[in-house]
């Protein structure tokens, strides 16, 4: 799964880097560098869209709410989407084309979610009967410092016909592979640069080879980090720093 990640790239800088049109209003709109991105946060995404029906689609950098709101979702008393049920922050790769919540978006509204890295927690049974297992946080990232681009879906939701639209998205997950599977059995679906435009193509069906195949995790590494990341109120570069040695480890050094 993917429930928390870090992103520090300015939307304008990202647009220039990947040769996209910047439709994000400003870096401040996305909250600036965020080392602890949580669900419902406004995040940066990449899409491909047409200006005119017959022209070549172009890459666009857009801001969206993390947690997909299907177009058919009902509005609450204050005009916001009803919050009943689980937040749709993740979508399983094997179900995106059949799930009622995602299949419409999978047809033509696919996106990329860039991030510096993502967090996952490994369960560590403490051996105490009846106690909840402790979990150790890890940070997964590219060794070369380049951003990761994860497959996603997006949607447009309006509380009323003439209301301003809400753009929202979800991150697609797949079976974890290699060392990453030792931390958690699920992981975000990484999209290599060579596959970006194919995945984003609004005129083509979703790439089943990409959805069904194992993710390309070459160049991705991980490290244990501090439990500071457990609290969403904590936000800073210290969250991705290597964890201090455990007391039992320190005695061996």
Protein backbone atom coordinates (compact mmCIF):
# COMPACT_ATOMS: atom_id res chain seq x y z
CA UNK A 1 0.00 0.00 0.00
CA UNK A 2 0.99 3.66 0.02
CA UNK A 3 -0.37 5.79 2.85
CA UNK A 4 2.35 8.38 3.31
CA UNK A 5 5.13 9.84 1.16
CA UNK A 6 7.56 12.73 0.77
CA UNK A 7 7.74 15.26 -2.06
CA UNK A 8 9.92 18.37 -2.23
CA UNK A 9 9.94 19.28 -5.92
CA UNK A 10 8.33 22.61 -6.84
CA UNK A 11 5.52 22.06 -9.41
CA UNK A 12 7.03 24.64 -11.78
CA UNK A 13 10.45 22.97 -11.57
CA UNK A 14 8.84 19.59 -12.14
CA UNK A 15 6.99 20.86 -15.23
CA UNK A 16 10.23 22.18 -16.68
CA UNK A 17 12.08 18.96 -15.87
CA UNK A 18 9.57 16.67 -17.60
CA UNK A 19 8.61 19.13 -20.38
CA UNK A 20 5.04 19.63 -19.22
CA UNK A 21 2.64 22.57 -19.05
CA UNK A 22 2.42 23.86 -15.49
CA UNK A 23 -1.26 24.18 -14.57
CA UNK A 24 -0.54 24.36 -10.83
CA UNK A 25 -1.14 27.87 -9.54
CA UNK A 26 2.03 28.07 -7.45
CA UNK A 27 4.36 26.06 -5.26
CA UNK A 28 2.46 27.38 -2.24
CA UNK A 29 -0.76 25.87 -3.58
CA UNK A 30 0.77 22.43 -3.13
CA UNK A 31 2.02 23.37 0.33
CA UNK A 32 5.70 23.55 -0.58
CA UNK A 33 8.12 20.76 0.41
CA UNK A 34 6.22 18.12 2.34
CA UNK A 35 8.04 15.26 4.05
CA UNK A 36 4.87 13.74 5.47
CA UNK A 37 2.16 13.80 2.81
CA UNK A 38 -1.03 12.29 4.19
CA UNK A 39 -4.43 11.48 2.62
CA UNK A 40 -6.63 14.48 1.62
CA UNK A 41 -3.50 16.61 1.08
CA UNK A 42 -3.30 18.58 -2.18
CA UNK A 43 -0.53 16.97 -4.21
CA UNK A 44 1.18 17.41 -7.57
CA UNK A 45 0.23 15.05 -10.40
CA UNK A 46 1.03 14.65 -14.09
CA UNK A 47 -1.61 14.03 -16.77
CA UNK A 48 -1.84 14.13 -20.58
CA UNK A 49 -4.79 16.00 -22.04
CA UNK A 50 -6.01 17.53 -25.31
CA UNK A 51 -6.53 21.23 -25.94
CA UNK A 52 -8.67 20.34 -28.93
CA UNK A 53 -10.28 16.96 -29.72
CA UNK A 54 -7.94 16.16 -32.61
CA UNK A 55 -4.65 17.59 -31.38
CA UNK A 56 -1.76 15.72 -29.77
CA UNK A 57 -2.25 15.41 -26.00
CA UNK A 58 0.37 17.17 -23.91
CA UNK A 59 1.71 16.59 -20.42
CA UNK A 60 0.24 18.82 -17.72
CA UNK A 61 1.22 19.30 -14.08
CA UNK A 62 -1.94 19.62 -11.99
CA UNK A 63 -2.81 19.82 -8.30
CA UNK A 64 -5.26 17.25 -6.96
CA UNK A 65 -6.64 16.05 -3.65
CA UNK A 66 -5.16 12.71 -2.61
CA UNK A 67 -8.12 10.38 -2.12
CA UNK A 68 -10.20 9.80 -5.22
CA UNK A 69 -13.80 11.03 -5.19
CA UNK A 70 -15.86 9.18 -7.83
CA UNK A 71 -18.01 11.46 -10.04
CA UNK A 72 -21.16 9.81 -8.65
CA UNK A 73 -20.31 10.53 -4.99
CA UNK A 74 -22.95 12.52 -3.12
CA UNK A 75 -22.35 15.93 -1.59
CA UNK A 76 -22.66 16.42 2.15
CA UNK A 77 -24.59 19.24 3.88
CA UNK A 78 -21.71 21.70 3.41
CA UNK A 79 -21.12 20.84 -0.24
CA UNK A 80 -18.07 18.63 0.35
CA UNK A 81 -18.01 14.96 -0.69
CA UNK A 82 -19.60 12.62 1.82
CA UNK A 83 -16.93 10.94 3.90
CA UNK A 84 -18.71 7.64 4.41
CA UNK A 85 -16.63 4.55 3.73
CA UNK A 86 -12.85 4.19 3.33
CA UNK A 87 -10.77 6.88 1.68
CA UNK A 88 -9.81 5.83 -1.84
CA UNK A 89 -6.12 6.69 -1.53
CA UNK A 90 -4.99 3.41 -3.14
CA UNK A 91 -6.32 1.24 -5.96
CA UNK A 92 -5.22 -2.35 -6.55
CA UNK A 93 -3.65 -2.82 -10.00
CA UNK A 94 -5.61 -6.02 -10.56
CA UNK A 95 -8.97 -4.35 -9.90
CA UNK A 96 -8.78 -0.85 -11.41
CA UNK A 97 -10.56 -1.85 -14.63
CA UNK A 98 -13.40 -3.68 -12.87
CA UNK A 99 -14.01 -1.79 -9.61
CA UNK A 100 -17.00 0.57 -9.83
CA UNK A 101 -14.99 3.25 -8.00
CA UNK A 102 -12.07 3.18 -10.47
CA UNK A 103 -13.05 1.68 -13.82
CA UNK A 104 -14.28 4.95 -15.33
CA UNK A 105 -11.05 6.75 -14.43
CA UNK A 106 -8.96 3.81 -15.67
CA UNK A 107 -10.38 4.26 -19.18
CA UNK A 108 -9.02 7.75 -19.84
CA UNK A 109 -8.08 9.55 -16.61
CA UNK A 110 -4.74 8.08 -15.62
CA UNK A 111 -2.01 10.10 -13.97
CA UNK A 112 1.43 9.95 -12.44
CA UNK A 113 2.12 10.91 -8.83
CA UNK A 114 5.73 12.12 -8.43
CA UNK A 115 7.41 11.73 -5.06
CA UNK A 116 10.88 11.75 -3.52
CA UNK A 117 10.07 8.50 -1.74
CA UNK A 118 7.39 6.72 0.23
CA UNK A 119 7.07 5.27 3.72
CA UNK A 120 6.14 1.79 4.80
CA UNK A 121 5.99 0.08 8.19
CA UNK A 122 7.30 -3.41 8.95
CA UNK A 123 5.52 -5.33 11.67
CA UNK A 124 7.86 -6.49 14.43
CA UNK A 125 6.19 -8.94 16.83
CA UNK A 126 7.33 -8.12 20.33
CA UNK A 127 6.53 -11.56 21.67
CA UNK A 128 4.28 -10.23 24.40
CA UNK A 129 0.98 -12.07 24.45
CA UNK A 130 -2.01 -9.87 23.71
CA UNK A 131 0.04 -6.80 22.82
CA UNK A 132 -0.16 -5.13 19.45
CA UNK A 133 2.96 -5.72 17.36
CA UNK A 134 5.32 -2.78 17.10
CA UNK A 135 6.08 -1.44 13.61
CA UNK A 136 9.33 -0.02 12.26
CA UNK A 137 9.12 2.72 9.59
CA UNK A 138 11.21 2.58 6.42
CA UNK A 139 11.77 5.10 3.64
CA UNK A 140 11.92 3.84 0.03
CA UNK A 141 13.61 6.08 -2.55
CA UNK A 142 15.83 6.17 -5.63
CA UNK A 143 19.54 5.95 -4.94
CA UNK A 144 20.31 8.56 -7.61
CA UNK A 145 18.07 11.16 -5.94
CA UNK A 146 15.64 11.38 -8.86
CA UNK A 147 11.89 11.38 -8.16
CA UNK A 148 9.77 8.27 -8.37
CA UNK A 149 6.68 8.43 -10.59
CA UNK A 150 3.80 6.25 -9.43
CA UNK A 151 0.82 5.17 -11.51
CA UNK A 152 -2.44 6.79 -10.46
CA UNK A 153 -6.03 7.51 -11.49
CA UNK A 154 -7.93 10.78 -11.22
CA UNK A 155 -11.46 12.06 -11.39
CA UNK A 156 -13.53 15.22 -11.60
CA UNK A 157 -16.27 15.72 -8.99
CA UNK A 158 -18.83 18.51 -8.65
CA UNK A 159 -21.30 18.97 -5.78
CA UNK A 160 -23.66 20.68 -8.27
CA UNK A 161 -23.76 21.21 -12.01
CA UNK A 162 -22.46 24.79 -11.92
CA UNK A 163 -20.04 24.34 -9.01
CA UNK A 164 -16.26 24.44 -9.27
CA UNK A 165 -14.80 20.97 -9.92
CA UNK A 166 -12.73 19.04 -7.41
CA UNK A 167 -9.87 17.08 -8.94
CA UNK A 168 -8.82 14.07 -6.89
CA UNK A 169 -6.59 11.05 -7.38
CA UNK A 170 -5.56 7.66 -6.09
CA UNK A 171 -2.23 5.80 -6.22
CA UNK A 172 -2.20 2.33 -7.79
CA UNK A 173 -0.54 -0.42 -5.78
CA UNK A 174 0.78 -3.84 -6.74
CA UNK A 175 2.54 -6.81 -5.19
CA UNK A 176 5.87 -5.78 -3.69
CA UNK A 177 8.98 -7.49 -5.05
CA UNK A 178 12.53 -8.14 -3.89
CA UNK A 179 13.67 -6.65 -0.60
CA UNK A 180 10.69 -4.31 -0.57
CA UNK A 181 8.42 -7.31 -0.01
CA UNK A 182 10.21 -7.94 3.30
CA UNK A 183 8.77 -4.65 4.60
CA UNK A 184 5.23 -4.87 3.22
CA UNK A 185 3.45 -7.11 0.71
CA UNK A 186 2.14 -4.12 -1.31
CA UNK A 187 3.87 -1.15 -2.92
CA UNK A 188 3.05 1.74 -5.29
CA UNK A 189 3.23 0.85 -8.98
CA UNK A 190 6.36 2.54 -10.32
CA UNK A 191 6.22 3.80 -13.93
CA UNK A 192 9.53 4.09 -15.79
CA UNK A 193 10.09 7.22 -17.88
CA UNK A 194 9.88 5.22 -21.12
CA UNK A 195 6.29 4.27 -20.19
CA UNK A 196 5.00 7.66 -19.00
CA UNK A 197 3.23 8.76 -22.17
CA UNK A 198 1.84 5.29 -22.85
CA UNK A 199 0.33 5.16 -19.37
CA UNK A 200 -1.03 8.72 -19.59
CA UNK A 201 -2.47 8.43 -23.12
CA UNK A 202 -6.15 9.53 -22.78
CA UNK A 203 -7.01 7.89 -26.11
CA UNK A 204 -5.75 4.40 -25.29
CA UNK A 205 -6.91 1.78 -22.81
CA UNK A 206 -4.84 1.16 -19.69
CA UNK A 207 -1.64 -0.79 -20.27
CA UNK A 208 -2.40 -4.30 -18.99
CA UNK A 209 1.27 -5.29 -19.27
CA UNK A 210 2.18 -2.52 -16.85
CA UNK A 211 -0.72 -3.30 -14.50
CA UNK A 212 -0.17 -7.06 -14.47
CA UNK A 213 3.62 -7.27 -14.57
CA UNK A 214 6.07 -6.94 -11.67
CA UNK A 215 7.15 -3.35 -10.96
CA UNK A 216 10.61 -2.21 -12.06
CA UNK A 217 12.39 -1.54 -8.77
CA UNK A 218 15.92 -1.17 -10.12
CA UNK A 219 17.66 1.73 -8.42
CA UNK A 220 15.21 1.81 -5.49
CA UNK A 221 16.69 1.39 -2.05
CA UNK A 222 15.39 1.76 1.50
CA UNK A 223 16.49 2.65 4.98
CA UNK A 224 15.06 2.46 8.45
CA UNK A 225 14.01 5.88 9.76
CA UNK A 226 12.83 7.48 12.98
CA UNK A 227 9.33 6.94 14.34
CA UNK A 228 8.87 10.71 14.03
CA UNK A 229 7.12 9.94 10.75
CA UNK A 230 4.34 8.15 12.64
CA UNK A 231 2.83 11.52 13.60
CA UNK A 232 1.44 13.42 10.59
CA UNK A 233 2.09 16.71 12.40
CA UNK A 234 5.84 16.13 12.11
CA UNK A 235 7.21 17.48 8.86
CA UNK A 236 10.85 18.11 7.95
CA UNK A 237 13.96 16.52 6.41
CA UNK A 238 14.71 14.77 9.70
CA UNK A 239 11.89 12.34 8.87
CA UNK A 240 13.92 10.70 6.09
CA UNK A 241 17.23 10.59 7.97
CA UNK A 242 18.56 7.14 8.99
CA UNK A 243 17.29 5.96 12.34
CA UNK A 244 19.58 6.07 15.36
CA UNK A 245 20.96 2.63 16.26
CA UNK A 246 18.82 0.69 18.71
CA UNK A 247 20.35 0.30 22.17
CA UNK A 248 21.15 -3.37 21.52
CA UNK A 249 22.76 -2.41 18.21
CA UNK A 250 24.79 0.39 19.80
CA UNK A 251 26.37 -2.06 22.26
CA UNK A 252 27.70 -4.07 19.31
CA UNK A 253 29.34 -1.09 17.58
